[in-house]
Amino acid sequence: MTRSRSAVAGMEPVEPAAITGPGGDRCVVFQEHALFPWMSVRQNVGYGLRVSGMSRAETRERVDELLALIGLTKFANSWPKALSGGMKQRVAIARALANRPKMLLMDEPFAALDAQTRRFLQDELLNIWQQTGTTILFVTHSIEEAVLLADRVVVMSPRPGRIAEIIDVPLPRPRDFDMEARSEFQAITRRIRELIFGNRRVRAS
């Protein structure tokens, strides 16, 4: 995973290939969960599997695995309106993982959440990645989030957007939030801030 200001990145390298249209080898998790409100949690997670023609039995088995992975087995028959924002995003992640994509594209998926929920989902995402090994391209404006989650951070310059630098994050895994106190973590975040802000100082408005 990777990110910062407009940072992006992949946790594992993938072979380059031309993208000419939609494909089942990649799925997107948006900033808003984009769940179908008329479908239950189980139906939302299994939607892509049904569209791809998977049998009902296989779909149920796969959905059960994913609901266990995100810790929402007890909410399988709930409607999205009954879920918290963090739970909805977990369902969205499970739905994206259902077809076992080679790459998961995440566009600021935690930006709209409160700080506590965001922290929880960062930890959940680390656990999910640890179990699935799916390559994740993650966009975020949070420098700390980028460094905590990523193997590489691609720092983007402001208008016009250009790659300013690609920074490796050699911090050991598994990671937790105590990692932020380490001098190596702070050195990486400081370097990213220098790339984004230069010598400018943030002024109070």
N, C-alpha and C. Protein backbone atom coordinates (compact mmCIF):
# COMPACT_ATOMS: atom_id res chain seq x y z
N MET A 1 0.86 -1.17 0.00
CA MET A 1 0.00 0.00 0.00
C MET A 1 0.89 1.22 0.00
N THR A 2 0.30 2.30 -0.35
CA THR A 2 1.10 3.49 -0.33
C THR A 2 0.27 4.72 -0.43
N ARG A 3 0.83 5.83 -0.04
CA ARG A 3 0.16 7.10 -0.18
C ARG A 3 0.89 8.27 0.38
N SER A 4 0.18 9.43 0.30
CA SER A 4 0.49 10.69 0.91
C SER A 4 -0.04 11.77 0.04
N ARG A 5 -0.07 12.97 0.52
CA ARG A 5 -0.79 14.08 -0.09
C ARG A 5 -1.69 13.62 -1.21
N SER A 6 -1.15 13.14 -2.23
CA SER A 6 -1.87 12.42 -3.25
C SER A 6 -1.03 11.19 -3.44
N ALA A 7 -0.77 10.51 -2.39
CA ALA A 7 0.16 9.43 -2.49
C ALA A 7 -0.52 8.15 -2.84
N VAL A 8 0.18 7.33 -3.56
CA VAL A 8 -0.36 6.04 -3.94
C VAL A 8 0.73 5.01 -3.80
N ALA A 9 0.33 3.72 -3.83
CA ALA A 9 1.38 2.76 -3.81
C ALA A 9 0.90 1.35 -3.78
N GLY A 10 1.79 0.43 -4.04
CA GLY A 10 1.43 -0.97 -4.01
C GLY A 10 2.24 -1.69 -2.96
N MET A 11 1.62 -2.63 -2.27
CA MET A 11 2.33 -3.34 -1.23
C MET A 11 3.25 -4.40 -1.85
N GLU A 12 2.92 -4.88 -3.00
CA GLU A 12 3.75 -5.86 -3.68
C GLU A 12 3.80 -5.49 -5.16
N PRO A 13 4.93 -5.74 -5.82
CA PRO A 13 5.02 -5.40 -7.24
C PRO A 13 4.15 -6.32 -8.09
N VAL A 14 3.58 -5.76 -9.14
CA VAL A 14 2.80 -6.56 -10.10
C VAL A 14 3.36 -6.30 -11.49
N GLU A 15 3.18 -7.26 -12.38
CA GLU A 15 3.68 -7.12 -13.73
C GLU A 15 2.90 -6.02 -14.46
N PRO A 16 3.58 -5.08 -15.11
CA PRO A 16 2.88 -4.01 -15.83
C PRO A 16 2.11 -4.56 -17.02
N ALA A 17 0.93 -3.99 -17.25
CA ALA A 17 0.10 -4.40 -18.38
C ALA A 17 -0.80 -3.24 -18.76
N ALA A 18 -1.09 -3.12 -20.05
CA ALA A 18 -1.97 -2.05 -20.52
C ALA A 18 -3.39 -2.30 -20.04
N ILE A 19 -4.03 -1.24 -19.54
CA ILE A 19 -5.42 -1.33 -19.08
C ILE A 19 -6.30 -0.68 -20.14
N THR A 20 -7.18 -1.44 -20.73
CA THR A 20 -8.04 -0.91 -21.81
C THR A 20 -9.51 -0.89 -21.42
N GLY A 21 -9.84 -1.39 -20.23
CA GLY A 21 -11.23 -1.41 -19.80
C GLY A 21 -11.37 -2.12 -18.47
N PRO A 22 -12.60 -2.27 -17.98
CA PRO A 22 -12.82 -2.97 -16.71
C PRO A 22 -12.32 -4.41 -16.78
N GLY A 23 -11.95 -4.94 -15.62
CA GLY A 23 -11.48 -6.31 -15.57
C GLY A 23 -11.65 -6.90 -14.19
N GLY A 24 -11.86 -8.19 -14.11
CA GLY A 24 -12.06 -8.85 -12.84
C GLY A 24 -10.79 -9.00 -12.02
N ASP A 25 -9.64 -8.65 -12.60
CA ASP A 25 -8.39 -8.78 -11.87
C ASP A 25 -8.12 -7.60 -10.95
N ARG A 26 -9.02 -6.61 -10.94
CA ARG A 26 -8.86 -5.44 -10.06
C ARG A 26 -10.24 -4.96 -9.62
N CYS A 27 -10.30 -4.52 -8.37
CA CYS A 27 -11.55 -4.03 -7.80
C CYS A 27 -11.28 -2.75 -7.04
N VAL A 28 -12.33 -1.94 -6.87
CA VAL A 28 -12.19 -0.62 -6.26
C VAL A 28 -13.00 -0.54 -4.97
N VAL A 29 -12.41 0.09 -3.96
CA VAL A 29 -13.13 0.48 -2.75
C VAL A 29 -13.11 2.00 -2.71
N PHE A 30 -14.28 2.61 -2.72
CA PHE A 30 -14.39 4.05 -2.82
C PHE A 30 -14.41 4.70 -1.43
N GLN A 31 -14.30 6.04 -1.42
CA GLN A 31 -14.39 6.77 -0.17
C GLN A 31 -15.75 6.56 0.49
N GLU A 32 -16.80 6.57 -0.33
CA GLU A 32 -18.12 6.18 0.14
C GLU A 32 -18.31 4.70 -0.17
N HIS A 33 -18.94 3.98 0.73
CA HIS A 33 -19.00 2.52 0.64
C HIS A 33 -19.67 2.00 -0.64
N ALA A 34 -20.62 2.75 -1.21
CA ALA A 34 -21.29 2.38 -2.46
C ALA A 34 -21.98 1.02 -2.39
N LEU A 35 -22.50 0.66 -1.22
CA LEU A 35 -23.25 -0.59 -1.10
C LEU A 35 -24.64 -0.42 -1.70
N PHE A 36 -25.21 -1.53 -2.16
CA PHE A 36 -26.58 -1.50 -2.66
C PHE A 36 -27.54 -1.51 -1.46
N PRO A 37 -28.31 -0.45 -1.24
CA PRO A 37 -29.14 -0.37 -0.04
C PRO A 37 -30.26 -1.40 0.00
N TRP A 38 -30.65 -1.93 -1.15
CA TRP A 38 -31.73 -2.92 -1.20
C TRP A 38 -31.23 -4.35 -1.04
N MET A 39 -29.93 -4.51 -0.84
CA MET A 39 -29.35 -5.83 -0.65
C MET A 39 -28.82 -5.96 0.77
N SER A 40 -28.91 -7.16 1.33
CA SER A 40 -28.33 -7.43 2.64
C SER A 40 -26.80 -7.44 2.55
N VAL A 41 -26.16 -7.53 3.70
CA VAL A 41 -24.70 -7.63 3.73
C VAL A 41 -24.25 -8.84 2.90
N ARG A 42 -24.88 -9.98 3.11
CA ARG A 42 -24.50 -11.18 2.37
C ARG A 42 -24.68 -10.98 0.86
N GLN A 43 -25.78 -10.37 0.46
CA GLN A 43 -26.04 -10.16 -0.96
C GLN A 43 -25.05 -9.17 -1.57
N ASN A 44 -24.68 -8.14 -0.82
CA ASN A 44 -23.70 -7.17 -1.31
C ASN A 44 -22.35 -7.83 -1.53
N VAL A 45 -21.90 -8.59 -0.56
CA VAL A 45 -20.58 -9.24 -0.67
C VAL A 45 -20.56 -10.24 -1.82
N GLY A 46 -21.68 -10.94 -2.03
CA GLY A 46 -21.72 -11.98 -3.06
C GLY A 46 -22.13 -11.49 -4.43
N TYR A 47 -22.38 -10.19 -4.58
CA TYR A 47 -22.90 -9.67 -5.84
C TYR A 47 -22.00 -10.02 -7.04
N GLY A 48 -20.72 -9.73 -6.92
CA GLY A 48 -19.80 -9.99 -8.03
C GLY A 48 -19.68 -11.46 -8.35
N LEU A 49 -19.79 -12.30 -7.35
CA LEU A 49 -19.71 -13.75 -7.56
C LEU A 49 -20.90 -14.25 -8.36
N ARG A 50 -22.08 -13.72 -8.02
CA ARG A 50 -23.29 -14.12 -8.75
C ARG A 50 -23.22 -13.65 -10.20
N VAL A 51 -22.75 -12.42 -10.40
CA VAL A 51 -22.64 -11.88 -11.76
C VAL A 51 -21.67 -12.71 -12.60
N SER A 52 -20.61 -13.20 -11.96
CA SER A 52 -19.60 -13.99 -12.69
C SER A 52 -20.06 -15.41 -12.96
N GLY A 53 -21.23 -15.81 -12.41
CA GLY A 53 -21.76 -17.13 -12.70
C GLY A 53 -21.41 -18.21 -11.70
N MET A 54 -20.85 -17.84 -10.55
CA MET A 54 -20.52 -18.84 -9.55
C MET A 54 -21.80 -19.47 -9.00
N SER A 55 -21.74 -20.72 -8.68
CA SER A 55 -22.91 -21.42 -8.17
C SER A 55 -23.33 -20.86 -6.82
N ARG A 56 -24.58 -21.13 -6.47
CA ARG A 56 -25.11 -20.61 -5.20
C ARG A 56 -24.34 -21.18 -4.01
N ALA A 57 -24.00 -22.46 -4.06
CA ALA A 57 -23.28 -23.09 -2.95
C ALA A 57 -21.87 -22.51 -2.81
N GLU A 58 -21.17 -22.35 -3.93
CA GLU A 58 -19.83 -21.79 -3.90
C GLU A 58 -19.86 -20.34 -3.44
N THR A 59 -20.86 -19.59 -3.89
CA THR A 59 -21.00 -18.19 -3.49
C THR A 59 -21.19 -18.09 -1.98
N ARG A 60 -22.07 -18.92 -1.45
CA ARG A 60 -22.33 -18.89 -0.01
C ARG A 60 -21.07 -19.21 0.78
N GLU A 61 -20.32 -20.20 0.33
CA GLU A 61 -19.09 -20.58 1.03
C GLU A 61 -18.08 -19.44 1.01
N ARG A 62 -17.91 -18.83 -0.15
CA ARG A 62 -16.96 -17.73 -0.27
C ARG A 62 -17.39 -16.53 0.56
N VAL A 63 -18.66 -16.21 0.53
CA VAL A 63 -19.17 -15.07 1.31
C VAL A 63 -18.99 -15.33 2.80
N ASP A 64 -19.25 -16.55 3.24
CA ASP A 64 -19.05 -16.89 4.65
C ASP A 64 -17.60 -16.68 5.07
N GLU A 65 -16.66 -17.05 4.19
CA GLU A 65 -15.23 -16.84 4.48
C GLU A 65 -14.92 -15.36 4.65
N LEU A 66 -15.48 -14.56 3.76
CA LEU A 66 -15.19 -13.13 3.79
C LEU A 66 -15.84 -12.43 4.98
N LEU A 67 -17.06 -12.84 5.32
CA LEU A 67 -17.72 -12.25 6.48
C LEU A 67 -16.95 -12.58 7.76
N ALA A 68 -16.39 -13.78 7.83
CA ALA A 68 -15.55 -14.15 8.97
C ALA A 68 -14.28 -13.32 8.98
N LEU A 69 -13.72 -13.08 7.80
CA LEU A 69 -12.49 -12.30 7.68
C LEU A 69 -12.67 -10.88 8.19
N ILE A 70 -13.82 -10.27 7.90
CA ILE A 70 -14.05 -8.88 8.32
C ILE A 70 -14.83 -8.79 9.63
N GLY A 71 -15.12 -9.93 10.24
CA GLY A 71 -15.77 -9.94 11.54
C GLY A 71 -17.23 -9.53 11.54
N LEU A 72 -17.96 -9.83 10.47
CA LEU A 72 -19.36 -9.41 10.38
C LEU A 72 -20.31 -10.58 10.12
N THR A 73 -19.92 -11.76 10.53
CA THR A 73 -20.76 -12.94 10.32
C THR A 73 -22.16 -12.75 10.91
N LYS A 74 -22.24 -12.14 12.09
CA LYS A 74 -23.52 -11.96 12.77
C LYS A 74 -24.42 -10.95 12.05
N PHE A 75 -23.84 -10.19 11.12
CA PHE A 75 -24.62 -9.16 10.42
C PHE A 75 -24.90 -9.55 8.97
N ALA A 76 -24.76 -10.83 8.65
CA ALA A 76 -24.91 -11.29 7.27
C ALA A 76 -26.24 -10.90 6.66
N ASN A 77 -27.31 -10.89 7.44
CA ASN A 77 -28.63 -10.60 6.90
C ASN A 77 -29.11 -9.18 7.19
N SER A 78 -28.21 -8.35 7.69
CA SER A 78 -28.57 -6.95 7.98
C SER A 78 -28.57 -6.12 6.71
N TRP A 79 -29.34 -5.02 6.74
CA TRP A 79 -29.34 -4.07 5.63
C TRP A 79 -28.27 -3.01 5.88
N PRO A 80 -27.70 -2.43 4.85
CA PRO A 80 -26.67 -1.41 5.03
C PRO A 80 -27.07 -0.28 5.96
N LYS A 81 -28.34 0.12 5.95
CA LYS A 81 -28.78 1.24 6.79
C LYS A 81 -28.65 0.92 8.27
N ALA A 82 -28.55 -0.36 8.61
CA ALA A 82 -28.42 -0.75 10.02
C ALA A 82 -26.97 -0.80 10.48
N LEU A 83 -26.02 -0.54 9.58
CA LEU A 83 -24.60 -0.65 9.90
C LEU A 83 -23.98 0.72 10.17
N SER A 84 -22.92 0.72 10.96
CA SER A 84 -22.13 1.95 11.16
C SER A 84 -21.29 2.21 9.91
N GLY A 85 -20.70 3.40 9.84
CA GLY A 85 -19.87 3.74 8.69
C GLY A 85 -18.69 2.80 8.53
N GLY A 86 -18.06 2.44 9.65
CA GLY A 86 -16.94 1.51 9.57
C GLY A 86 -17.33 0.13 9.12
N MET A 87 -18.49 -0.33 9.57
CA MET A 87 -18.98 -1.64 9.15
C MET A 87 -19.30 -1.66 7.66
N LYS A 88 -19.87 -0.57 7.16
CA LYS A 88 -20.17 -0.49 5.73
C LYS A 88 -18.89 -0.58 4.90
N GLN A 89 -17.84 0.08 5.36
CA GLN A 89 -16.59 0.02 4.62
C GLN A 89 -15.98 -1.37 4.67
N ARG A 90 -16.15 -2.07 5.76
CA ARG A 90 -15.66 -3.45 5.84
C ARG A 90 -16.42 -4.33 4.85
N VAL A 91 -17.71 -4.11 4.72
CA VAL A 91 -18.50 -4.86 3.73
C VAL A 91 -18.01 -4.53 2.32
N ALA A 92 -17.73 -3.25 2.07
CA ALA A 92 -17.24 -2.84 0.75
C ALA A 92 -15.90 -3.51 0.43
N ILE A 93 -15.02 -3.63 1.43
CA ILE A 93 -13.74 -4.30 1.23
C ILE A 93 -13.95 -5.78 0.93
N ALA A 94 -14.85 -6.42 1.68
CA ALA A 94 -15.14 -7.83 1.45
C ALA A 94 -15.70 -8.04 0.05
N ARG A 95 -16.59 -7.16 -0.37
CA ARG A 95 -17.18 -7.29 -1.72
C ARG A 95 -16.09 -7.18 -2.78
N ALA A 96 -15.14 -6.27 -2.57
CA ALA A 96 -14.07 -6.09 -3.54
C ALA A 96 -13.14 -7.30 -3.57
N LEU A 97 -12.97 -7.97 -2.43
CA LEU A 97 -12.08 -9.13 -2.36
C LEU A 97 -12.74 -10.42 -2.84
N ALA A 98 -14.06 -10.40 -3.02
CA ALA A 98 -14.81 -11.62 -3.30
C ALA A 98 -14.29 -12.39 -4.52
N ASN A 99 -13.97 -11.67 -5.58
CA ASN A 99 -13.50 -12.32 -6.81
C ASN A 99 -12.00 -12.56 -6.84
N ARG A 100 -11.37 -12.40 -5.68
CA ARG A 100 -9.93 -12.60 -5.54
C ARG A 100 -9.15 -11.81 -6.60
N PRO A 101 -9.29 -10.48 -6.60
CA PRO A 101 -8.58 -9.68 -7.60
C PRO A 101 -7.07 -9.69 -7.34
N LYS A 102 -6.31 -9.46 -8.39
CA LYS A 102 -4.86 -9.36 -8.24
C LYS A 102 -4.48 -8.04 -7.58
N MET A 103 -5.32 -7.02 -7.78
CA MET A 103 -5.04 -5.72 -7.18
C MET A 103 -6.31 -5.10 -6.63
N LEU A 104 -6.20 -4.52 -5.45
CA LEU A 104 -7.30 -3.81 -4.82
C LEU A 104 -6.97 -2.33 -4.85
N LEU A 105 -7.84 -1.54 -5.46
CA LEU A 105 -7.65 -0.10 -5.58
C LEU A 105 -8.52 0.58 -4.52
N MET A 106 -7.89 1.35 -3.63
CA MET A 106 -8.63 1.97 -2.53
C MET A 106 -8.44 3.49 -2.58
N ASP A 107 -9.54 4.19 -2.81
CA ASP A 107 -9.50 5.64 -2.99
C ASP A 107 -9.95 6.34 -1.71
N GLU A 108 -9.01 6.66 -0.85
CA GLU A 108 -9.29 7.31 0.43
C GLU A 108 -10.47 6.66 1.16
N PRO A 109 -10.43 5.35 1.37
CA PRO A 109 -11.60 4.65 1.90
C PRO A 109 -11.93 4.98 3.36
N PHE A 110 -10.98 5.56 4.10
CA PHE A 110 -11.24 5.85 5.51
C PHE A 110 -11.37 7.34 5.79
N ALA A 111 -11.33 8.16 4.76
CA ALA A 111 -11.28 9.61 4.94
C ALA A 111 -12.51 10.17 5.64
N ALA A 112 -13.68 9.59 5.39
CA ALA A 112 -14.92 10.14 5.93
C ALA A 112 -15.26 9.60 7.32
N LEU A 113 -14.40 8.78 7.89
CA LEU A 113 -14.69 8.14 9.17
C LEU A 113 -14.09 8.91 10.34
N ASP A 114 -14.66 8.72 11.52
CA ASP A 114 -14.10 9.36 12.71
C ASP A 114 -12.76 8.73 13.03
N ALA A 115 -11.96 9.42 13.86
CA ALA A 115 -10.58 9.00 14.11
C ALA A 115 -10.49 7.60 14.70
N GLN A 116 -11.37 7.26 15.63
CA GLN A 116 -11.32 5.95 16.27
C GLN A 116 -11.63 4.84 15.28
N THR A 117 -12.68 5.03 14.47
CA THR A 117 -13.05 4.03 13.47
C THR A 117 -11.96 3.89 12.41
N ARG A 118 -11.37 5.02 12.04
CA ARG A 118 -10.30 4.98 11.05
C ARG A 118 -9.12 4.15 11.55
N ARG A 119 -8.75 4.35 12.81
CA ARG A 119 -7.67 3.57 13.39
C ARG A 119 -7.99 2.08 13.37
N PHE A 120 -9.21 1.76 13.75
CA PHE A 120 -9.64 0.36 13.77
C PHE A 120 -9.54 -0.26 12.39
N LEU A 121 -10.01 0.47 11.37
CA LEU A 121 -10.01 -0.09 10.02
C LEU A 121 -8.61 -0.17 9.43
N GLN A 122 -7.72 0.73 9.82
CA GLN A 122 -6.33 0.60 9.39
C GLN A 122 -5.75 -0.72 9.89
N ASP A 123 -6.02 -1.03 11.15
CA ASP A 123 -5.55 -2.28 11.73
C ASP A 123 -6.20 -3.48 11.05
N GLU A 124 -7.51 -3.36 10.76
CA GLU A 124 -8.22 -4.42 10.06
C GLU A 124 -7.63 -4.65 8.67
N LEU A 125 -7.32 -3.56 7.98
CA LEU A 125 -6.76 -3.70 6.63
C LEU A 125 -5.41 -4.38 6.66
N LEU A 126 -4.59 -4.04 7.65
CA LEU A 126 -3.31 -4.72 7.80
C LEU A 126 -3.51 -6.22 8.01
N ASN A 127 -4.49 -6.58 8.83
CA ASN A 127 -4.77 -7.99 9.08
C ASN A 127 -5.27 -8.70 7.82
N ILE A 128 -6.15 -8.01 7.08
CA ILE A 128 -6.70 -8.60 5.85
C ILE A 128 -5.58 -8.81 4.83
N TRP A 129 -4.73 -7.80 4.69
CA TRP A 129 -3.61 -7.95 3.75
C TRP A 129 -2.69 -9.09 4.17
N GLN A 130 -2.47 -9.20 5.47
CA GLN A 130 -1.60 -10.25 5.98
C GLN A 130 -2.15 -11.62 5.62
N GLN A 131 -3.47 -11.76 5.63
CA GLN A 131 -4.09 -13.05 5.35
C GLN A 131 -4.28 -13.34 3.87
N THR A 132 -4.50 -12.30 3.07
CA THR A 132 -4.79 -12.51 1.65
C THR A 132 -3.60 -12.28 0.74
N GLY A 133 -2.70 -11.37 1.12
CA GLY A 133 -1.55 -11.05 0.28
C GLY A 133 -1.89 -10.28 -0.97
N THR A 134 -3.13 -9.77 -1.07
CA THR A 134 -3.55 -9.01 -2.25
C THR A 134 -2.77 -7.71 -2.37
N THR A 135 -2.29 -7.40 -3.56
CA THR A 135 -1.63 -6.13 -3.80
C THR A 135 -2.65 -5.01 -3.65
N ILE A 136 -2.29 -3.96 -2.92
CA ILE A 136 -3.21 -2.86 -2.66
C ILE A 136 -2.58 -1.54 -3.10
N LEU A 137 -3.32 -0.82 -3.92
CA LEU A 137 -2.95 0.54 -4.31
C LEU A 137 -3.87 1.47 -3.54
N PHE A 138 -3.31 2.23 -2.61
CA PHE A 138 -4.10 2.97 -1.63
C PHE A 138 -3.81 4.46 -1.77
N VAL A 139 -4.85 5.26 -1.89
CA VAL A 139 -4.70 6.72 -1.99
C VAL A 139 -5.11 7.34 -0.67
N THR A 140 -4.31 8.26 -0.16
CA THR A 140 -4.63 8.93 1.09
C THR A 140 -3.98 10.30 1.15
N HIS A 141 -4.52 11.18 1.98
CA HIS A 141 -3.91 12.47 2.26
C HIS A 141 -3.19 12.45 3.60
N SER A 142 -3.27 11.32 4.30
CA SER A 142 -2.64 11.20 5.62
C SER A 142 -1.25 10.59 5.49
N ILE A 143 -0.24 11.36 5.86
CA ILE A 143 1.13 10.86 5.77
C ILE A 143 1.34 9.69 6.72
N GLU A 144 0.84 9.81 7.95
CA GLU A 144 1.02 8.74 8.93
C GLU A 144 0.34 7.45 8.48
N GLU A 145 -0.84 7.58 7.89
CA GLU A 145 -1.55 6.41 7.38
C GLU A 145 -0.74 5.73 6.28
N ALA A 146 -0.18 6.54 5.41
CA ALA A 146 0.62 6.00 4.31
C ALA A 146 1.80 5.19 4.82
N VAL A 147 2.53 5.76 5.77
CA VAL A 147 3.73 5.09 6.28
C VAL A 147 3.37 3.85 7.09
N LEU A 148 2.30 3.92 7.84
CA LEU A 148 1.88 2.77 8.64
C LEU A 148 1.52 1.57 7.78
N LEU A 149 0.84 1.82 6.66
CA LEU A 149 0.30 0.72 5.86
C LEU A 149 1.22 0.24 4.74
N ALA A 150 2.04 1.12 4.21
CA ALA A 150 2.66 0.84 2.92
C ALA A 150 4.04 0.20 3.00
N ASP A 151 4.39 -0.48 1.92
CA ASP A 151 5.77 -0.89 1.66
C ASP A 151 6.50 0.18 0.87
N ARG A 152 5.73 0.91 0.07
CA ARG A 152 6.29 2.04 -0.69
C ARG A 152 5.27 3.17 -0.70
N VAL A 153 5.78 4.40 -0.58
CA VAL A 153 4.92 5.58 -0.67
C VAL A 153 5.32 6.38 -1.90
N VAL A 154 4.36 6.60 -2.78
CA VAL A 154 4.59 7.42 -3.97
C VAL A 154 4.06 8.82 -3.66
N VAL A 155 4.96 9.75 -3.50
CA VAL A 155 4.58 11.12 -3.13
C VAL A 155 4.29 11.92 -4.40
N MET A 156 3.10 12.51 -4.45
CA MET A 156 2.69 13.30 -5.60
C MET A 156 2.80 14.79 -5.29
N SER A 157 3.27 15.55 -6.27
CA SER A 157 3.34 17.00 -6.11
C SER A 157 1.97 17.61 -6.36
N PRO A 158 1.72 18.82 -5.81
CA PRO A 158 0.45 19.50 -6.13
C PRO A 158 0.47 19.98 -7.57
N ARG A 159 -0.62 20.52 -8.01
CA ARG A 159 -0.87 20.93 -9.39
C ARG A 159 0.37 21.47 -10.12
N PRO A 160 0.72 20.88 -11.24
CA PRO A 160 0.15 19.63 -11.78
C PRO A 160 0.72 18.42 -11.04
N GLY A 161 -0.09 17.41 -10.88
CA GLY A 161 0.34 16.23 -10.14
C GLY A 161 1.45 15.47 -10.85
N ARG A 162 2.56 15.33 -10.18
CA ARG A 162 3.70 14.59 -10.72
C ARG A 162 4.28 13.75 -9.59
N ILE A 163 4.95 12.66 -9.93
CA ILE A 163 5.60 11.86 -8.91
C ILE A 163 6.84 12.61 -8.44
N ALA A 164 6.84 13.00 -7.15
CA ALA A 164 7.98 13.72 -6.59
C ALA A 164 9.07 12.75 -6.17
N GLU A 165 8.65 11.64 -5.58
CA GLU A 165 9.63 10.64 -5.13
C GLU A 165 8.88 9.38 -4.71
N ILE A 166 9.54 8.24 -4.87
CA ILE A 166 9.02 6.97 -4.37
C ILE A 166 9.89 6.56 -3.20
N ILE A 167 9.26 6.41 -2.05
CA ILE A 167 9.99 6.15 -0.81
C ILE A 167 9.68 4.75 -0.30
N ASP A 168 10.72 3.95 -0.10
CA ASP A 168 10.54 2.63 0.49
C ASP A 168 10.28 2.77 1.99
N VAL A 169 9.44 1.89 2.51
CA VAL A 169 9.13 1.88 3.94
C VAL A 169 9.59 0.54 4.50
N PRO A 170 10.83 0.45 4.97
CA PRO A 170 11.39 -0.83 5.41
C PRO A 170 11.04 -1.21 6.84
N LEU A 171 9.95 -0.68 7.36
CA LEU A 171 9.54 -1.01 8.73
C LEU A 171 9.07 -2.47 8.79
N PRO A 172 9.38 -3.16 9.87
CA PRO A 172 9.03 -4.59 9.96
C PRO A 172 7.52 -4.80 10.06
N ARG A 173 7.09 -5.97 9.63
CA ARG A 173 5.70 -6.40 9.78
C ARG A 173 5.68 -7.65 10.64
N PRO A 174 4.56 -7.88 11.35
CA PRO A 174 3.33 -7.09 11.37
C PRO A 174 3.52 -5.75 12.08
N ARG A 175 2.70 -4.77 11.70
CA ARG A 175 2.80 -3.43 12.25
C ARG A 175 1.62 -3.12 13.15
N ASP A 176 1.88 -2.26 14.14
CA ASP A 176 0.80 -1.76 14.97
C ASP A 176 1.05 -0.27 15.20
N PHE A 177 0.19 0.36 15.98
CA PHE A 177 0.29 1.81 16.12
C PHE A 177 1.46 2.25 16.99
N ASP A 178 2.07 1.34 17.73
CA ASP A 178 3.28 1.67 18.47
C ASP A 178 4.42 2.00 17.52
N MET A 179 4.28 1.54 16.28
CA MET A 179 5.29 1.79 15.26
C MET A 179 5.53 3.29 15.06
N GLU A 180 4.50 4.10 15.28
CA GLU A 180 4.60 5.53 15.02
C GLU A 180 5.59 6.22 15.95
N ALA A 181 5.92 5.60 17.08
CA ALA A 181 6.86 6.19 18.02
C ALA A 181 8.32 5.91 17.64
N ARG A 182 8.53 5.05 16.69
CA ARG A 182 9.89 4.68 16.30
C ARG A 182 10.54 5.79 15.50
N SER A 183 11.83 5.94 15.69
CA SER A 183 12.58 7.00 15.00
C SER A 183 12.55 6.79 13.49
N GLU A 184 12.55 5.52 13.03
CA GLU A 184 12.51 5.26 11.59
C GLU A 184 11.20 5.73 10.98
N PHE A 185 10.11 5.50 11.70
CA PHE A 185 8.79 5.96 11.23
C PHE A 185 8.78 7.48 11.12
N GLN A 186 9.26 8.15 12.14
CA GLN A 186 9.25 9.61 12.15
C GLN A 186 10.16 10.19 11.07
N ALA A 187 11.27 9.51 10.79
CA ALA A 187 12.17 9.99 9.75
C ALA A 187 11.51 9.93 8.37
N ILE A 188 10.75 8.87 8.11
CA ILE A 188 10.06 8.73 6.83
C ILE A 188 8.97 9.78 6.68
N THR A 189 8.18 9.98 7.75
CA THR A 189 7.12 10.99 7.67
C THR A 189 7.70 12.38 7.48
N ARG A 190 8.84 12.64 8.12
CA ARG A 190 9.49 13.94 7.97
C ARG A 190 9.95 14.16 6.52
N ARG A 191 10.49 13.12 5.91
CA ARG A 191 10.93 13.22 4.52
C ARG A 191 9.76 13.50 3.59
N ILE A 192 8.64 12.86 3.83
CA ILE A 192 7.46 13.08 2.99
C ILE A 192 6.95 14.51 3.15
N ARG A 193 6.94 15.02 4.38
CA ARG A 193 6.50 16.40 4.60
C ARG A 193 7.41 17.39 3.87
N GLU A 194 8.70 17.10 3.88
CA GLU A 194 9.65 17.97 3.17
C GLU A 194 9.34 17.99 1.68
N LEU A 195 9.01 16.83 1.12
CA LEU A 195 8.70 16.75 -0.31
C LEU A 195 7.41 17.51 -0.64
N ILE A 196 6.45 17.45 0.26
CA ILE A 196 5.16 18.08 0.00
C ILE A 196 5.18 19.57 0.27
N PHE A 197 5.73 19.94 1.41
CA PHE A 197 5.66 21.33 1.84
C PHE A 197 6.95 22.12 1.66
N GLY A 198 8.06 21.45 1.43
CA GLY A 198 9.33 22.15 1.31
C GLY A 198 9.66 22.86 2.60
N ASN A 199 10.07 24.10 2.50
CA ASN A 199 10.41 24.89 3.68
C ASN A 199 9.27 25.79 4.15
N ARG A 200 8.08 25.58 3.53
CA ARG A 200 6.95 26.43 3.92
C ARG A 200 6.48 26.09 5.33
N ARG A 201 5.97 27.09 6.02
CA ARG A 201 5.41 26.87 7.33
C ARG A 201 3.90 27.00 7.25
N VAL A 202 3.22 26.15 8.00
CA VAL A 202 1.77 26.20 7.99
C VAL A 202 1.31 27.35 8.86
N ARG A 203 0.50 28.25 8.27
CA ARG A 203 0.01 29.41 9.03
C ARG A 203 -1.43 29.20 9.43
N ALA A 204 -1.76 29.74 10.60
CA ALA A 204 -3.16 29.68 11.03
C ALA A 204 -3.97 30.64 10.20
N SER A 205 -5.16 30.21 9.74
CA SER A 205 -5.98 31.09 8.90
C SER A 205 -6.75 32.08 9.75
